[in-house]
Amino acid sequence: MVCRFFKVQEIVKDILLDFLKIDEKKVKLDSEFLNDFGCDSLDSIELMVELEESFGVKINDDEASQLVTVGDVVNYIERRLLET
């Protein structure tokens, strides 16, 4: 389980680095998409689509609005992957 979590975490980090073009040092589990990365609503939607495609999971709008930090996303994806 721990190994799987770190793999999800690394993939999410890689997606963020590529998508947002941010410094790797800024990506921490408690980093917030809006406050730390300056993501607007369009960025958030596009990022969720990228995450859905990369992990093969569906993130509905209500759930997406509650994913505030990198850790929230990692935990959410990990839970969804365990359900499948």
N, C-alpha and C. Protein backbone atom coordinates (compact mmCIF):
# COMPACT_ATOMS: atom_id res chain seq x y z
N MET A 1 0.82 -1.20 0.00
CA MET A 1 0.00 0.00 0.00
C MET A 1 0.87 1.26 0.00
N VAL A 2 1.89 1.30 0.85
CA VAL A 2 2.76 2.47 0.90
C VAL A 2 3.44 2.69 -0.44
N CYS A 3 3.91 1.63 -1.05
CA CYS A 3 4.58 1.73 -2.36
C CYS A 3 3.61 2.30 -3.40
N ARG A 4 2.39 1.83 -3.38
CA ARG A 4 1.39 2.30 -4.34
C ARG A 4 1.11 3.79 -4.13
N PHE A 5 1.01 4.22 -2.86
CA PHE A 5 0.77 5.63 -2.54
C PHE A 5 1.88 6.49 -3.12
N PHE A 6 3.13 6.08 -2.92
CA PHE A 6 4.24 6.88 -3.43
C PHE A 6 4.26 6.92 -4.94
N LYS A 7 3.84 5.84 -5.60
CA LYS A 7 3.77 5.85 -7.05
C LYS A 7 2.71 6.85 -7.52
N VAL A 8 1.54 6.83 -6.89
CA VAL A 8 0.49 7.80 -7.23
C VAL A 8 1.00 9.20 -6.98
N GLN A 9 1.65 9.40 -5.85
CA GLN A 9 2.18 10.72 -5.51
C GLN A 9 3.17 11.21 -6.56
N GLU A 10 4.06 10.35 -7.00
CA GLU A 10 5.05 10.74 -8.00
C GLU A 10 4.41 11.04 -9.35
N ILE A 11 3.42 10.26 -9.74
CA ILE A 11 2.73 10.52 -11.01
C ILE A 11 1.98 11.83 -10.95
N VAL A 12 1.28 12.08 -9.84
CA VAL A 12 0.57 13.36 -9.67
C VAL A 12 1.56 14.51 -9.74
N LYS A 13 2.68 14.37 -9.07
CA LYS A 13 3.71 15.41 -9.08
C LYS A 13 4.21 15.67 -10.50
N ASP A 14 4.48 14.61 -11.24
CA ASP A 14 4.95 14.76 -12.63
C ASP A 14 3.90 15.48 -13.49
N ILE A 15 2.63 15.13 -13.29
CA ILE A 15 1.56 15.78 -14.05
C ILE A 15 1.51 17.27 -13.72
N LEU A 16 1.61 17.59 -12.44
CA LEU A 16 1.58 18.99 -12.03
C LEU A 16 2.76 19.77 -12.60
N LEU A 17 3.94 19.18 -12.54
CA LEU A 17 5.12 19.86 -13.07
C LEU A 17 4.98 20.14 -14.57
N ASP A 18 4.47 19.17 -15.28
CA ASP A 18 4.30 19.32 -16.72
C ASP A 18 3.17 20.28 -17.06
N PHE A 19 2.05 20.12 -16.38
CA PHE A 19 0.86 20.90 -16.70
C PHE A 19 0.98 22.36 -16.26
N LEU A 20 1.46 22.58 -15.04
CA LEU A 20 1.49 23.94 -14.49
C LEU A 20 2.82 24.66 -14.71
N LYS A 21 3.84 23.91 -15.14
CA LYS A 21 5.17 24.51 -15.38
C LYS A 21 5.67 25.23 -14.12
N ILE A 22 5.64 24.51 -13.01
CA ILE A 22 6.08 25.09 -11.74
C ILE A 22 7.36 24.42 -11.27
N ASP A 23 8.01 25.06 -10.31
CA ASP A 23 9.25 24.53 -9.72
C ASP A 23 8.93 23.30 -8.89
N GLU A 24 9.71 22.26 -9.07
CA GLU A 24 9.51 20.99 -8.37
C GLU A 24 9.49 21.18 -6.85
N LYS A 25 10.26 22.13 -6.33
CA LYS A 25 10.33 22.36 -4.89
C LYS A 25 9.00 22.88 -4.32
N LYS A 26 8.14 23.42 -5.17
CA LYS A 26 6.85 23.95 -4.71
C LYS A 26 5.80 22.87 -4.51
N VAL A 27 6.04 21.69 -5.07
CA VAL A 27 5.03 20.63 -5.01
C VAL A 27 5.21 19.81 -3.75
N LYS A 28 4.32 20.06 -2.80
CA LYS A 28 4.30 19.32 -1.54
C LYS A 28 2.87 18.83 -1.31
N LEU A 29 2.69 17.87 -0.45
CA LEU A 29 1.35 17.33 -0.22
C LEU A 29 0.38 18.39 0.29
N ASP A 30 0.88 19.38 1.02
CA ASP A 30 -0.02 20.42 1.55
C ASP A 30 -0.10 21.65 0.65
N SER A 31 0.52 21.60 -0.53
CA SER A 31 0.43 22.72 -1.48
C SER A 31 -1.00 22.83 -2.02
N GLU A 32 -1.51 24.06 -2.04
CA GLU A 32 -2.87 24.31 -2.52
C GLU A 32 -2.84 24.79 -3.97
N PHE A 33 -3.76 24.26 -4.76
CA PHE A 33 -3.80 24.60 -6.18
C PHE A 33 -4.04 26.08 -6.41
N LEU A 34 -4.95 26.68 -5.67
CA LEU A 34 -5.26 28.09 -5.86
C LEU A 34 -4.20 28.98 -5.22
N ASN A 35 -3.95 28.80 -3.93
CA ASN A 35 -3.05 29.70 -3.20
C ASN A 35 -1.58 29.53 -3.54
N ASP A 36 -1.13 28.30 -3.75
CA ASP A 36 0.29 28.07 -3.99
C ASP A 36 0.67 28.03 -5.47
N PHE A 37 -0.25 27.57 -6.31
CA PHE A 37 0.05 27.43 -7.74
C PHE A 37 -0.69 28.44 -8.61
N GLY A 38 -1.64 29.17 -8.04
CA GLY A 38 -2.37 30.18 -8.80
C GLY A 38 -3.32 29.60 -9.84
N CYS A 39 -3.80 28.39 -9.61
CA CYS A 39 -4.73 27.77 -10.56
C CYS A 39 -6.07 28.49 -10.55
N ASP A 40 -6.56 28.84 -11.73
CA ASP A 40 -7.92 29.37 -11.82
C ASP A 40 -8.86 28.21 -12.12
N SER A 41 -10.14 28.51 -12.29
CA SER A 41 -11.12 27.43 -12.47
C SER A 41 -10.87 26.63 -13.75
N LEU A 42 -10.44 27.29 -14.81
CA LEU A 42 -10.14 26.58 -16.06
C LEU A 42 -8.94 25.65 -15.88
N ASP A 43 -7.90 26.14 -15.21
CA ASP A 43 -6.74 25.30 -14.91
C ASP A 43 -7.17 24.06 -14.14
N SER A 44 -8.03 24.26 -13.15
CA SER A 44 -8.48 23.15 -12.31
C SER A 44 -9.23 22.11 -13.12
N ILE A 45 -10.11 22.55 -13.99
CA ILE A 45 -10.87 21.63 -14.84
C ILE A 45 -9.93 20.85 -15.74
N GLU A 46 -9.01 21.54 -16.39
CA GLU A 46 -8.07 20.88 -17.29
C GLU A 46 -7.17 19.90 -16.54
N LEU A 47 -6.77 20.27 -15.33
CA LEU A 47 -5.94 19.40 -14.52
C LEU A 47 -6.71 18.14 -14.12
N MET A 48 -7.97 18.29 -13.74
CA MET A 48 -8.77 17.12 -13.37
C MET A 48 -8.94 16.17 -14.56
N VAL A 49 -9.13 16.73 -15.75
CA VAL A 49 -9.24 15.90 -16.95
C VAL A 49 -7.94 15.14 -17.18
N GLU A 50 -6.84 15.82 -17.02
CA GLU A 50 -5.52 15.17 -17.19
C GLU A 50 -5.34 14.04 -16.17
N LEU A 51 -5.73 14.28 -14.93
CA LEU A 51 -5.62 13.25 -13.90
C LEU A 51 -6.54 12.07 -14.20
N GLU A 52 -7.75 12.36 -14.65
CA GLU A 52 -8.70 11.29 -15.01
C GLU A 52 -8.12 10.40 -16.10
N GLU A 53 -7.56 11.03 -17.12
CA GLU A 53 -6.99 10.27 -18.24
C GLU A 53 -5.76 9.47 -17.81
N SER A 54 -4.94 10.06 -16.98
CA SER A 54 -3.70 9.39 -16.56
C SER A 54 -3.96 8.19 -15.66
N PHE A 55 -4.98 8.29 -14.79
CA PHE A 55 -5.23 7.23 -13.83
C PHE A 55 -6.44 6.36 -14.18
N GLY A 56 -7.21 6.75 -15.19
CA GLY A 56 -8.38 5.97 -15.57
C GLY A 56 -9.49 6.02 -14.54
N VAL A 57 -9.61 7.15 -13.85
CA VAL A 57 -10.67 7.33 -12.86
C VAL A 57 -11.54 8.51 -13.27
N LYS A 58 -12.75 8.54 -12.77
CA LYS A 58 -13.67 9.65 -13.02
C LYS A 58 -13.74 10.50 -11.76
N ILE A 59 -13.54 11.80 -11.93
CA ILE A 59 -13.64 12.74 -10.82
C ILE A 59 -14.83 13.64 -11.10
N ASN A 60 -15.93 13.46 -10.33
CA ASN A 60 -17.10 14.29 -10.61
C ASN A 60 -16.89 15.71 -10.07
N ASP A 61 -17.70 16.64 -10.54
CA ASP A 61 -17.51 18.05 -10.22
C ASP A 61 -17.58 18.34 -8.72
N ASP A 62 -18.51 17.69 -8.02
CA ASP A 62 -18.64 17.92 -6.57
C ASP A 62 -17.38 17.49 -5.83
N GLU A 63 -16.85 16.35 -6.22
CA GLU A 63 -15.62 15.86 -5.59
C GLU A 63 -14.42 16.72 -5.97
N ALA A 64 -14.36 17.12 -7.22
CA ALA A 64 -13.23 17.94 -7.69
C ALA A 64 -13.14 19.25 -6.92
N SER A 65 -14.28 19.83 -6.60
CA SER A 65 -14.29 21.11 -5.89
C SER A 65 -13.74 20.99 -4.47
N GLN A 66 -13.67 19.77 -3.95
CA GLN A 66 -13.16 19.55 -2.60
C GLN A 66 -11.69 19.14 -2.58
N LEU A 67 -11.10 19.00 -3.75
CA LEU A 67 -9.68 18.63 -3.85
C LEU A 67 -8.86 19.91 -3.88
N VAL A 68 -8.45 20.36 -2.72
CA VAL A 68 -7.81 21.66 -2.55
C VAL A 68 -6.29 21.56 -2.60
N THR A 69 -5.75 20.47 -2.07
CA THR A 69 -4.30 20.31 -1.99
C THR A 69 -3.83 19.14 -2.84
N VAL A 70 -2.53 19.08 -3.04
CA VAL A 70 -1.93 17.95 -3.74
C VAL A 70 -2.24 16.66 -2.98
N GLY A 71 -2.14 16.70 -1.67
CA GLY A 71 -2.45 15.54 -0.85
C GLY A 71 -3.88 15.08 -1.01
N ASP A 72 -4.82 16.03 -1.13
CA ASP A 72 -6.22 15.67 -1.37
C ASP A 72 -6.35 14.85 -2.65
N VAL A 73 -5.67 15.30 -3.69
CA VAL A 73 -5.74 14.61 -4.99
C VAL A 73 -5.11 13.21 -4.89
N VAL A 74 -3.95 13.13 -4.27
CA VAL A 74 -3.27 11.84 -4.13
C VAL A 74 -4.15 10.86 -3.35
N ASN A 75 -4.70 11.31 -2.24
CA ASN A 75 -5.56 10.44 -1.42
C ASN A 75 -6.82 10.03 -2.19
N TYR A 76 -7.42 10.97 -2.90
CA TYR A 76 -8.62 10.67 -3.67
C TYR A 76 -8.35 9.62 -4.74
N ILE A 77 -7.29 9.82 -5.49
CA ILE A 77 -6.95 8.87 -6.57
C ILE A 77 -6.63 7.50 -5.98
N GLU A 78 -5.88 7.48 -4.89
CA GLU A 78 -5.55 6.21 -4.24
C GLU A 78 -6.83 5.48 -3.83
N ARG A 79 -7.77 6.19 -3.23
CA ARG A 79 -9.05 5.56 -2.84
C ARG A 79 -9.80 5.02 -4.05
N ARG A 80 -9.84 5.81 -5.11
CA ARG A 80 -10.55 5.37 -6.33
C ARG A 80 -9.89 4.15 -6.95
N LEU A 81 -8.58 4.09 -6.94
CA LEU A 81 -7.87 2.95 -7.49
C LEU A 81 -8.11 1.70 -6.65
N LEU A 82 -8.24 1.85 -5.35
CA LEU A 82 -8.52 0.71 -4.49
C LEU A 82 -9.93 0.16 -4.70
N GLU A 83 -10.84 1.02 -5.16
CA GLU A 83 -12.23 0.60 -5.42
C GLU A 83 -12.33 -0.26 -6.66
N THR A 84 -11.37 -0.14 -7.57
CA THR A 84 -11.46 -0.88 -8.82
C THR A 84 -10.84 -2.25 -8.73
